[in-house]
Structure formats: C-alpha cells, structure tokens
C-alpha cells in the first residue's frame, strides 16, 4: 500500500471511530501537526509511527497497511510509543 492509501485508510479509521486527528495523535504519542502533514501526504509515515497509530486504534500494523478489518486479538496489545524501547 502506498502512503496515499495508508493516509486514506487512517482517515477512514479516525472517522469510523468518531475520533479527531488530535485525539489519535495524543493516543499514538505523535505531534498533531506532524500527523496532519503525513495524512495530507506532505510527509511519509515511518513504520514505527504506523505501529503507534495501529496500537492507538487497537489494530495491528498489518490491518493499517493491508486495509483488512481485523482487530488486535483479545489479550494481545499492539505496540504504542510508550512500549517502544529507546536507544541509550
């Protein structure tokens, strides 16, 4: 899936969950203005950002990228920015 398709998919998911871009950005730990630029196609998404977005939406990365409608199985948490190890 290309960046435009991914952006469109994320916008659809935001709408279907009655979220705002700002709310999704907060949940995913991404700057709101940066998310907006990426959704408009001015910047490309990094894989880790898509993982954070998927986690914030309760989905898997594969769901975001492939466009399937599978949610994260019960008892399995999708990664979020807080759960991502940082380099020291």
PDB file of N, CA and C in Angstrom:
ATOM      1  N   UNK A   1       0.840  -1.165   0.000  1.00  0.00           N
ATOM      2  CA  UNK A   1       0.000   0.000   0.000  1.00  0.00           C
ATOM      3  C   UNK A   1       0.894   1.240   0.000  1.00  0.00           C
ATOM      4  N   UNK A   2       0.569   2.213  -0.794  1.00  0.00           N
ATOM      5  CA  UNK A   2       1.385   3.429  -0.823  1.00  0.00           C
ATOM      6  C   UNK A   2       0.940   4.399   0.273  1.00  0.00           C
ATOM      7  N   UNK A   3       1.723   5.448   0.465  1.00  0.00           N
ATOM      8  CA  UNK A   3       1.462   6.405   1.540  1.00  0.00           C
ATOM      9  C   UNK A   3       0.075   7.036   1.415  1.00  0.00           C
ATOM     10  N   UNK A   4      -0.345   7.340   0.182  1.00  0.00           N
ATOM     11  CA  UNK A   4      -1.673   7.932  -0.023  1.00  0.00           C
ATOM     12  C   UNK A   4      -2.772   6.986   0.421  1.00  0.00           C
ATOM     13  N   UNK A   5      -2.638   5.713   0.098  1.00  0.00           N
ATOM     14  CA  UNK A   5      -3.630   4.713   0.501  1.00  0.00           C
ATOM     15  C   UNK A   5      -3.653   4.537   2.015  1.00  0.00           C
ATOM     16  N   UNK A   6      -2.463   4.538   2.621  1.00  0.00           N
ATOM     17  CA  UNK A   6      -2.383   4.400   4.071  1.00  0.00           C
ATOM     18  C   UNK A   6      -3.036   5.608   4.744  1.00  0.00           C
ATOM     19  N   UNK A   7      -2.749   6.794   4.242  1.00  0.00           N
ATOM     20  CA  UNK A   7      -3.359   8.006   4.803  1.00  0.00           C
ATOM     21  C   UNK A   7      -4.877   7.943   4.701  1.00  0.00           C
ATOM     22  N   UNK A   8      -5.367   7.525   3.554  1.00  0.00           N
ATOM     23  CA  UNK A   8      -6.805   7.402   3.346  1.00  0.00           C
ATOM     24  C   UNK A   8      -7.405   6.390   4.319  1.00  0.00           C
ATOM     25  N   UNK A   9      -6.722   5.278   4.504  1.00  0.00           N
ATOM     26  CA  UNK A   9      -7.185   4.235   5.424  1.00  0.00           C
ATOM     27  C   UNK A   9      -7.242   4.780   6.854  1.00  0.00           C
ATOM     28  N   UNK A  10      -6.199   5.490   7.273  1.00  0.00           N
ATOM     29  CA  UNK A  10      -6.167   6.041   8.623  1.00  0.00           C
ATOM     30  C   UNK A  10      -7.282   7.069   8.804  1.00  0.00           C
ATOM     31  N   UNK A  11      -7.496   7.919   7.812  1.00  0.00           N
ATOM     32  CA  UNK A  11      -8.585   8.900   7.893  1.00  0.00           C
ATOM     33  C   UNK A  11      -9.938   8.207   8.015  1.00  0.00           C
ATOM     34  N   UNK A  12     -10.138   7.114   7.273  1.00  0.00           N
ATOM     35  CA  UNK A  12     -11.381   6.342   7.381  1.00  0.00           C
ATOM     36  C   UNK A  12     -11.542   5.759   8.786  1.00  0.00           C
ATOM     37  N   UNK A  13     -10.435   5.247   9.339  1.00  0.00           N
ATOM     38  CA  UNK A  13     -10.484   4.661  10.682  1.00  0.00           C
ATOM     39  C   UNK A  13     -10.766   5.727  11.735  1.00  0.00           C
ATOM     40  N   UNK A  14     -10.183   6.905  11.582  1.00  0.00           N
ATOM     41  CA  UNK A  14     -10.449   8.012  12.504  1.00  0.00           C
ATOM     42  C   UNK A  14     -11.935   8.344  12.479  1.00  0.00           C
ATOM     43  N   UNK A  15     -12.479   8.468  11.288  1.00  0.00           N
ATOM     44  CA  UNK A  15     -13.887   8.813  11.121  1.00  0.00           C
ATOM     45  C   UNK A  15     -14.800   7.718  11.680  1.00  0.00           C
ATOM     46  N   UNK A  16     -14.493   6.465  11.379  1.00  0.00           N
ATOM     47  CA  UNK A  16     -15.359   5.362  11.817  1.00  0.00           C
ATOM     48  C   UNK A  16     -15.360   5.198  13.331  1.00  0.00           C
ATOM     49  N   UNK A  17     -14.335   5.711  13.989  1.00  0.00           N
ATOM     50  CA  UNK A  17     -14.252   5.627  15.447  1.00  0.00           C
ATOM     51  C   UNK A  17     -14.639   6.952  16.121  1.00  0.00           C
ATOM     52  N   UNK A  18     -15.149   7.892  15.330  1.00  0.00           N
ATOM     53  CA  UNK A  18     -15.562   9.210  15.834  1.00  0.00           C
ATOM     54  C   UNK A  18     -14.443   9.890  16.622  1.00  0.00           C
ATOM     55  N   UNK A  19     -13.231   9.775  16.092  1.00  0.00           N
ATOM     56  CA  UNK A  19     -12.069  10.431  16.690  1.00  0.00           C
ATOM     57  C   UNK A  19     -11.727  11.684  15.904  1.00  0.00           C
ATOM     58  N   UNK A  20     -10.874  12.482  16.472  1.00  0.00           N
ATOM     59  CA  UNK A  20     -10.278  13.592  15.738  1.00  0.00           C
ATOM     60  C   UNK A  20      -8.819  13.217  15.486  1.00  0.00           C
ATOM     61  N   UNK A  21      -8.197  13.927  14.549  1.00  0.00           N
ATOM     62  CA  UNK A  21      -6.773  13.698  14.317  1.00  0.00           C
ATOM     63  C   UNK A  21      -5.985  14.002  15.582  1.00  0.00           C
ATOM     64  N   UNK A  22      -6.375  15.038  16.302  1.00  0.00           N
ATOM     65  CA  UNK A  22      -5.682  15.409  17.536  1.00  0.00           C
ATOM     66  C   UNK A  22      -5.787  14.297  18.584  1.00  0.00           C
ATOM     67  N   UNK A  23      -6.964  13.691  18.706  1.00  0.00           N
ATOM     68  CA  UNK A  23      -7.143  12.608  19.666  1.00  0.00           C
ATOM     69  C   UNK A  23      -6.284  11.398  19.291  1.00  0.00           C
ATOM     70  N   UNK A  24      -6.256  11.066  18.010  1.00  0.00           N
ATOM     71  CA  UNK A  24      -5.422   9.948  17.571  1.00  0.00           C
ATOM     72  C   UNK A  24      -3.950  10.263  17.817  1.00  0.00           C
ATOM     73  N   UNK A  25      -3.542  11.482  17.510  1.00  0.00           N
ATOM     74  CA  UNK A  25      -2.143  11.879  17.721  1.00  0.00           C
ATOM     75  C   UNK A  25      -1.765  11.729  19.196  1.00  0.00           C
ATOM     76  N   UNK A  26      -2.643  12.170  20.091  1.00  0.00           N
ATOM     77  CA  UNK A  26      -2.374  12.036  21.536  1.00  0.00           C
ATOM     78  C   UNK A  26      -2.242  10.575  21.923  1.00  0.00           C
ATOM     79  N   UNK A  27      -3.179   9.763  21.481  1.00  0.00           N
ATOM     80  CA  UNK A  27      -3.151   8.340  21.817  1.00  0.00           C
ATOM     81  C   UNK A  27      -1.889   7.655  21.300  1.00  0.00           C
ATOM     82  N   UNK A  28      -1.452   8.055  20.115  1.00  0.00           N
ATOM     83  CA  UNK A  28      -0.291   7.416  19.482  1.00  0.00           C
ATOM     84  C   UNK A  28       1.031   8.052  19.909  1.00  0.00           C
ATOM     85  N   UNK A  29       0.963   9.193  20.591  1.00  0.00           N
ATOM     86  CA  UNK A  29       2.187   9.860  21.006  1.00  0.00           C
ATOM     87  C   UNK A  29       2.908  10.552  19.864  1.00  0.00           C
ATOM     88  N   UNK A  30       2.132  11.037  18.894  1.00  0.00           N
ATOM     89  CA  UNK A  30       2.685  11.731  17.731  1.00  0.00           C
ATOM     90  C   UNK A  30       2.215  13.181  17.768  1.00  0.00           C
ATOM     91  N   UNK A  31       3.083  14.099  17.377  1.00  0.00           N
ATOM     92  CA  UNK A  31       2.714  15.504  17.305  1.00  0.00           C
ATOM     93  C   UNK A  31       1.530  15.676  16.347  1.00  0.00           C
ATOM     94  N   UNK A  32       0.531  16.429  16.770  1.00  0.00           N
ATOM     95  CA  UNK A  32      -0.680  16.621  15.973  1.00  0.00           C
ATOM     96  C   UNK A  32      -0.390  17.230  14.608  1.00  0.00           C
ATOM     97  N   UNK A  33       0.454  18.249  14.563  1.00  0.00           N
ATOM     98  CA  UNK A  33       0.776  18.898  13.286  1.00  0.00           C
ATOM     99  C   UNK A  33       1.522  17.935  12.361  1.00  0.00           C
ATOM    100  N   UNK A  34       2.397  17.122  12.927  1.00  0.00           N
ATOM    101  CA  UNK A  34       3.135  16.141  12.113  1.00  0.00           C
ATOM    102  C   UNK A  34       2.170  15.103  11.539  1.00  0.00           C
ATOM    103  N   UNK A  35       1.253  14.609  12.363  1.00  0.00           N
ATOM    104  CA  UNK A  35       0.271  13.644  11.872  1.00  0.00           C
ATOM    105  C   UNK A  35      -0.544  14.253  10.742  1.00  0.00           C
ATOM    106  N   UNK A  36      -0.961  15.490  10.910  1.00  0.00           N
ATOM    107  CA  UNK A  36      -1.741  16.165   9.878  1.00  0.00           C
ATOM    108  C   UNK A  36      -0.967  16.252   8.564  1.00  0.00           C
ATOM    109  N   UNK A  37       0.312  16.635   8.634  1.00  0.00           N
ATOM    110  CA  UNK A  37       1.135  16.721   7.412  1.00  0.00           C
ATOM    111  C   UNK A  37       1.282  15.365   6.749  1.00  0.00           C
ATOM    112  N   UNK A  38       1.422  14.322   7.542  1.00  0.00           N
ATOM    113  CA  UNK A  38       1.572  12.984   6.980  1.00  0.00           C
ATOM    114  C   UNK A  38       0.263  12.512   6.349  1.00  0.00           C
ATOM    115  N   UNK A  39      -0.847  12.811   6.992  1.00  0.00           N
ATOM    116  CA  UNK A  39      -2.136  12.418   6.432  1.00  0.00           C
ATOM    117  C   UNK A  39      -2.451  13.172   5.146  1.00  0.00           C
ATOM    118  N   UNK A  40      -1.920  14.378   5.010  1.00  0.00           N
ATOM    119  CA  UNK A  40      -2.111  15.164   3.782  1.00  0.00           C
ATOM    120  C   UNK A  40      -1.123  14.778   2.694  1.00  0.00           C
ATOM    121  N   UNK A  41      -0.175  13.901   3.010  1.00  0.00           N
ATOM    122  CA  UNK A  41       0.781  13.446   2.011  1.00  0.00           C
ATOM    123  C   UNK A  41       2.022  14.303   1.883  1.00  0.00           C
ATOM    124  N   UNK A  42       2.199  15.266   2.791  1.00  0.00           N
ATOM    125  CA  UNK A  42       3.379  16.121   2.735  1.00  0.00           C
ATOM    126  C   UNK A  42       4.618  15.418   3.283  1.00  0.00           C
ATOM    127  N   UNK A  43       4.409  14.415   4.116  1.00  0.00           N
ATOM    128  CA  UNK A  43       5.493  13.630   4.702  1.00  0.00           C
ATOM    129  C   UNK A  43       5.090  12.168   4.646  1.00  0.00           C
ATOM    130  N   UNK A  44       6.076  11.285   4.571  1.00  0.00           N
ATOM    131  CA  UNK A  44       5.804   9.849   4.564  1.00  0.00           C
ATOM    132  C   UNK A  44       5.768   9.309   5.993  1.00  0.00           C
ATOM    133  N   UNK A  45       4.931   8.308   6.217  1.00  0.00           N
ATOM    134  CA  UNK A  45       4.887   7.645   7.510  1.00  0.00           C
ATOM    135  C   UNK A  45       6.089   6.726   7.664  1.00  0.00           C
ATOM    136  N   UNK A  46       6.671   6.725   8.853  1.00  0.00           N
ATOM    137  CA  UNK A  46       7.683   5.729   9.192  1.00  0.00           C
ATOM    138  C   UNK A  46       6.943   4.517   9.750  1.00  0.00           C
ATOM    139  N   UNK A  47       7.564   3.375   9.634  1.00  0.00           N
ATOM    140  CA  UNK A  47       6.930   2.142  10.108  1.00  0.00           C
ATOM    141  C   UNK A  47       6.547   2.248  11.585  1.00  0.00           C
ATOM    142  N   UNK A  48       7.449   2.770  12.407  1.00  0.00           N
ATOM    143  CA  UNK A  48       7.171   2.851  13.839  1.00  0.00           C
ATOM    144  C   UNK A  48       5.962   3.739  14.113  1.00  0.00           C
ATOM    145  N   UNK A  49       5.804   4.801  13.350  1.00  0.00           N
ATOM    146  CA  UNK A  49       4.636   5.674  13.517  1.00  0.00           C
ATOM    147  C   UNK A  49       3.352   4.923  13.187  1.00  0.00           C
ATOM    148  N   UNK A  50       3.402   4.101  12.151  1.00  0.00           N
ATOM    149  CA  UNK A  50       2.226   3.300  11.802  1.00  0.00           C
ATOM    150  C   UNK A  50       1.926   2.284  12.893  1.00  0.00           C
ATOM    151  N   UNK A  51       2.962   1.750  13.532  1.00  0.00           N
ATOM    152  CA  UNK A  51       2.747   0.829  14.652  1.00  0.00           C
ATOM    153  C   UNK A  51       2.093   1.552  15.815  1.00  0.00           C
ATOM    154  N   UNK A  52       2.543   2.791  16.104  1.00  0.00           N
ATOM    155  CA  UNK A  52       1.942   3.562  17.187  1.00  0.00           C
ATOM    156  C   UNK A  52       0.488   3.875  16.880  1.00  0.00           C
ATOM    157  N   UNK A  53       0.204   4.237  15.634  1.00  0.00           N
ATOM    158  CA  UNK A  53      -1.169   4.549  15.217  1.00  0.00           C
ATOM    159  C   UNK A  53      -2.046   3.307  15.314  1.00  0.00           C
ATOM    160  N   UNK A  54      -1.530   2.188  14.836  1.00  0.00           N
ATOM    161  CA  UNK A  54      -2.281   0.931  14.922  1.00  0.00           C
ATOM    162  C   UNK A  54      -2.595   0.609  16.373  1.00  0.00           C
ATOM    163  N   UNK A  55      -1.611   0.726  17.254  1.00  0.00           N
ATOM    164  CA  UNK A  55      -1.830   0.460  18.673  1.00  0.00           C
ATOM    165  C   UNK A  55      -2.869   1.386  19.276  1.00  0.00           C
ATOM    166  N   UNK A  56      -2.813   2.660  18.891  1.00  0.00           N
ATOM    167  CA  UNK A  56      -3.773   3.638  19.407  1.00  0.00           C
ATOM    168  C   UNK A  56      -5.190   3.332  18.947  1.00  0.00           C
ATOM    169  N   UNK A  57      -5.311   2.685  17.794  1.00  0.00           N
ATOM    170  CA  UNK A  57      -6.626   2.329  17.258  1.00  0.00           C
ATOM    171  C   UNK A  57      -7.048   0.912  17.651  1.00  0.00           C
ATOM    172  N   UNK A  58      -6.172   0.196  18.357  1.00  0.00           N
ATOM    173  CA  UNK A  58      -6.479  -1.182  18.748  1.00  0.00           C
ATOM    174  C   UNK A  58      -6.399  -2.147  17.584  1.00  0.00           C
ATOM    175  N   UNK A  59      -5.540  -1.828  16.623  1.00  0.00           N
ATOM    176  CA  UNK A  59      -5.385  -2.650  15.426  1.00  0.00           C
ATOM    177  C   UNK A  59      -3.946  -3.117  15.296  1.00  0.00           C
ATOM    178  N   UNK A  60      -3.711  -4.000  14.358  1.00  0.00           N
ATOM    179  CA  UNK A  60      -2.350  -4.424  14.062  1.00  0.00           C
ATOM    180  C   UNK A  60      -1.801  -3.573  12.920  1.00  0.00           C
ATOM    181  N   UNK A  61      -0.491  -3.564  12.788  1.00  0.00           N
ATOM    182  CA  UNK A  61       0.133  -2.855  11.670  1.00  0.00           C
ATOM    183  C   UNK A  61      -0.367  -3.418  10.349  1.00  0.00           C
ATOM    184  N   UNK A  62      -0.510  -4.733  10.270  1.00  0.00           N
ATOM    185  CA  UNK A  62      -0.992  -5.364   9.042  1.00  0.00           C
ATOM    186  C   UNK A  62      -2.366  -4.847   8.646  1.00  0.00           C
ATOM    187  N   UNK A  63      -3.204  -4.580   9.632  1.00  0.00           N
ATOM    188  CA  UNK A  63      -4.543  -4.049   9.358  1.00  0.00           C
ATOM    189  C   UNK A  63      -4.459  -2.668   8.726  1.00  0.00           C
ATOM    190  N   UNK A  64      -3.582  -1.833   9.260  1.00  0.00           N
ATOM    191  CA  UNK A  64      -3.424  -0.485   8.714  1.00  0.00           C
ATOM    192  C   UNK A  64      -2.883  -0.550   7.285  1.00  0.00           C
ATOM    193  N   UNK A  65      -1.888  -1.376   7.077  1.00  0.00           N
ATOM    194  CA  UNK A  65      -1.211  -1.438   5.781  1.00  0.00           C
ATOM    195  C   UNK A  65      -2.027  -2.175   4.730  1.00  0.00           C
ATOM    196  N   UNK A  66      -2.659  -3.278   5.119  1.00  0.00           N
ATOM    197  CA  UNK A  66      -3.370  -4.099   4.132  1.00  0.00           C
ATOM    198  C   UNK A  66      -4.795  -3.642   3.880  1.00  0.00           C
ATOM    199  N   UNK A  67      -5.345  -2.898   4.829  1.00  0.00           N
ATOM    200  CA  UNK A  67      -6.710  -2.441   4.660  1.00  0.00           C
ATOM    201  C   UNK A  67      -7.741  -3.458   5.097  1.00  0.00           C
ATOM    202  N   UNK A  68      -7.307  -4.552   5.744  1.00  0.00           N
ATOM    203  CA  UNK A  68      -8.255  -5.524   6.266  1.00  0.00           C
ATOM    204  C   UNK A  68      -8.874  -4.973   7.535  1.00  0.00           C
ATOM    205  N   UNK A  69      -9.936  -5.541   7.980  1.00  0.00           N
ATOM    206  CA  UNK A  69     -10.639  -5.034   9.153  1.00  0.00           C
ATOM    207  C   UNK A  69     -10.496  -5.943  10.374  1.00  0.00           C
ATOM    208  N   UNK A  70      -9.307  -6.483  10.578  1.00  0.00           N
ATOM    209  CA  UNK A  70      -9.073  -7.339  11.728  1.00  0.00           C
ATOM    210  C   UNK A  70      -8.566  -6.506  12.881  1.00  0.00           C
ATOM    211  N   UNK A  71      -9.166  -6.710  14.058  1.00  0.00           N
ATOM    212  CA  UNK A  71      -8.713  -6.000  15.244  1.00  0.00           C
ATOM    213  C   UNK A  71      -7.697  -6.864  15.969  1.00  0.00           C
ATOM    214  N   UNK A  72      -6.941  -6.250  16.871  1.00  0.00           N
ATOM    215  CA  UNK A  72      -5.963  -6.972  17.660  1.00  0.00           C
ATOM    216  C   UNK A  72      -6.710  -7.990  18.519  1.00  0.00           C
ATOM    217  N   UNK A  73      -6.252  -9.255  18.529  1.00  0.00           N
ATOM    218  CA  UNK A  73      -6.925 -10.272  19.340  1.00  0.00           C
ATOM    219  C   UNK A  73      -6.941  -9.895  20.818  1.00  0.00           C
ATOM    220  N   UNK A  74      -7.961 -10.355  21.540  1.00  0.00           N
ATOM    221  CA  UNK A  74      -8.060 -10.085  22.975  1.00  0.00           C
ATOM    222  C   UNK A  74      -6.821 -10.615  23.679  1.00  0.00           C
ATOM    223  N   UNK A  75      -6.354  -9.868  24.651  1.00  0.00           N
ATOM    224  CA  UNK A  75      -5.187 -10.289  25.418  1.00  0.00           C
ATOM    225  C   UNK A  75      -3.864  -9.968  24.762  1.00  0.00           C
ATOM    226  N   UNK A  76      -3.892  -9.448  23.544  1.00  0.00           N
ATOM    227  CA  UNK A  76      -2.671  -9.083  22.837  1.00  0.00           C
ATOM    228  C   UNK A  76      -2.700  -7.575  22.650  1.00  0.00           C
ATOM    229  N   UNK A  77      -1.663  -6.916  23.099  1.00  0.00           N
ATOM    230  CA  UNK A  77      -1.660  -5.461  22.947  1.00  0.00           C
ATOM    231  C   UNK A  77      -0.763  -5.065  21.787  1.00  0.00           C
ATOM    232  N   UNK A  78      -1.255  -4.151  21.003  1.00  0.00           N
ATOM    233  CA  UNK A  78      -0.456  -3.605  19.910  1.00  0.00           C
ATOM    234  C   UNK A  78       0.539  -2.630  20.508  1.00  0.00           C
ATOM    235  N   UNK A  79       1.707  -2.483  19.891  1.00  0.00           N
ATOM    236  CA  UNK A  79       2.714  -1.590  20.452  1.00  0.00           C
ATOM    237  C   UNK A  79       2.273  -0.130  20.416  1.00  0.00           C
ATOM    238  N   UNK A  80       2.667   0.593  21.431  1.00  0.00           N
ATOM    239  CA  UNK A  80       2.450   2.034  21.460  1.00  0.00           C
ATOM    240  C   UNK A  80       3.801   2.691  21.645  1.00  0.00           C
ATOM    241  N   UNK A  81       3.856   3.980  21.515  1.00  0.00           N
ATOM    242  CA  UNK A  81       5.132   4.663  21.651  1.00  0.00           C
ATOM    243  C   UNK A  81       5.729   4.435  23.037  1.00  0.00           C
ATOM    244  N   UNK A  82       4.912   4.410  24.054  1.00  0.00           N
ATOM    245  CA  UNK A  82       5.400   4.217  25.408  1.00  0.00           C
ATOM    246  C   UNK A  82       6.038   2.837  25.594  1.00  0.00           C
ATOM    247  N   UNK A  83       5.566   1.848  24.835  1.00  0.00           N
ATOM    248  CA  UNK A  83       6.079   0.490  24.957  1.00  0.00           C
ATOM    249  C   UNK A  83       7.299   0.238  24.094  1.00  0.00           C
ATOM    250  N   UNK A  84       7.664   1.213  23.280  1.00  0.00           N
ATOM    251  CA  UNK A  84       8.783   1.060  22.378  1.00  0.00           C
ATOM    252  C   UNK A  84      10.085   1.371  23.101  1.00  0.00           C
ATOM    253  N   UNK A  85      11.035   0.411  23.090  1.00  0.00           N
ATOM    254  CA  UNK A  85      12.303   0.686  23.767  1.00  0.00           C
ATOM    255  C   UNK A  85      13.068   1.808  23.074  1.00  0.00           C
ATOM    256  N   UNK A  86      13.773   2.582  23.859  1.00  0.00           N
ATOM    257  CA  UNK A  86      14.574   3.654  23.286  1.00  0.00           C
ATOM    258  C   UNK A  86      16.040   3.277  23.335  1.00  0.00           C
ATOM    259  N   UNK A  87      16.788   3.792  22.394  1.00  0.00           N
ATOM    260  CA  UNK A  87      18.223   3.513  22.363  1.00  0.00           C
ATOM    261  C   UNK A  87      18.910   4.337  23.437  1.00  0.00           C
ATOM    262  N   UNK A  88      19.893   3.742  24.100  1.00  0.00           N
ATOM    263  CA  UNK A  88      20.602   4.506  25.120  1.00  0.00           C
ATOM    264  C   UNK A  88      22.024   4.766  24.730  1.00  0.00           C
TER     265      UNK A  88
END
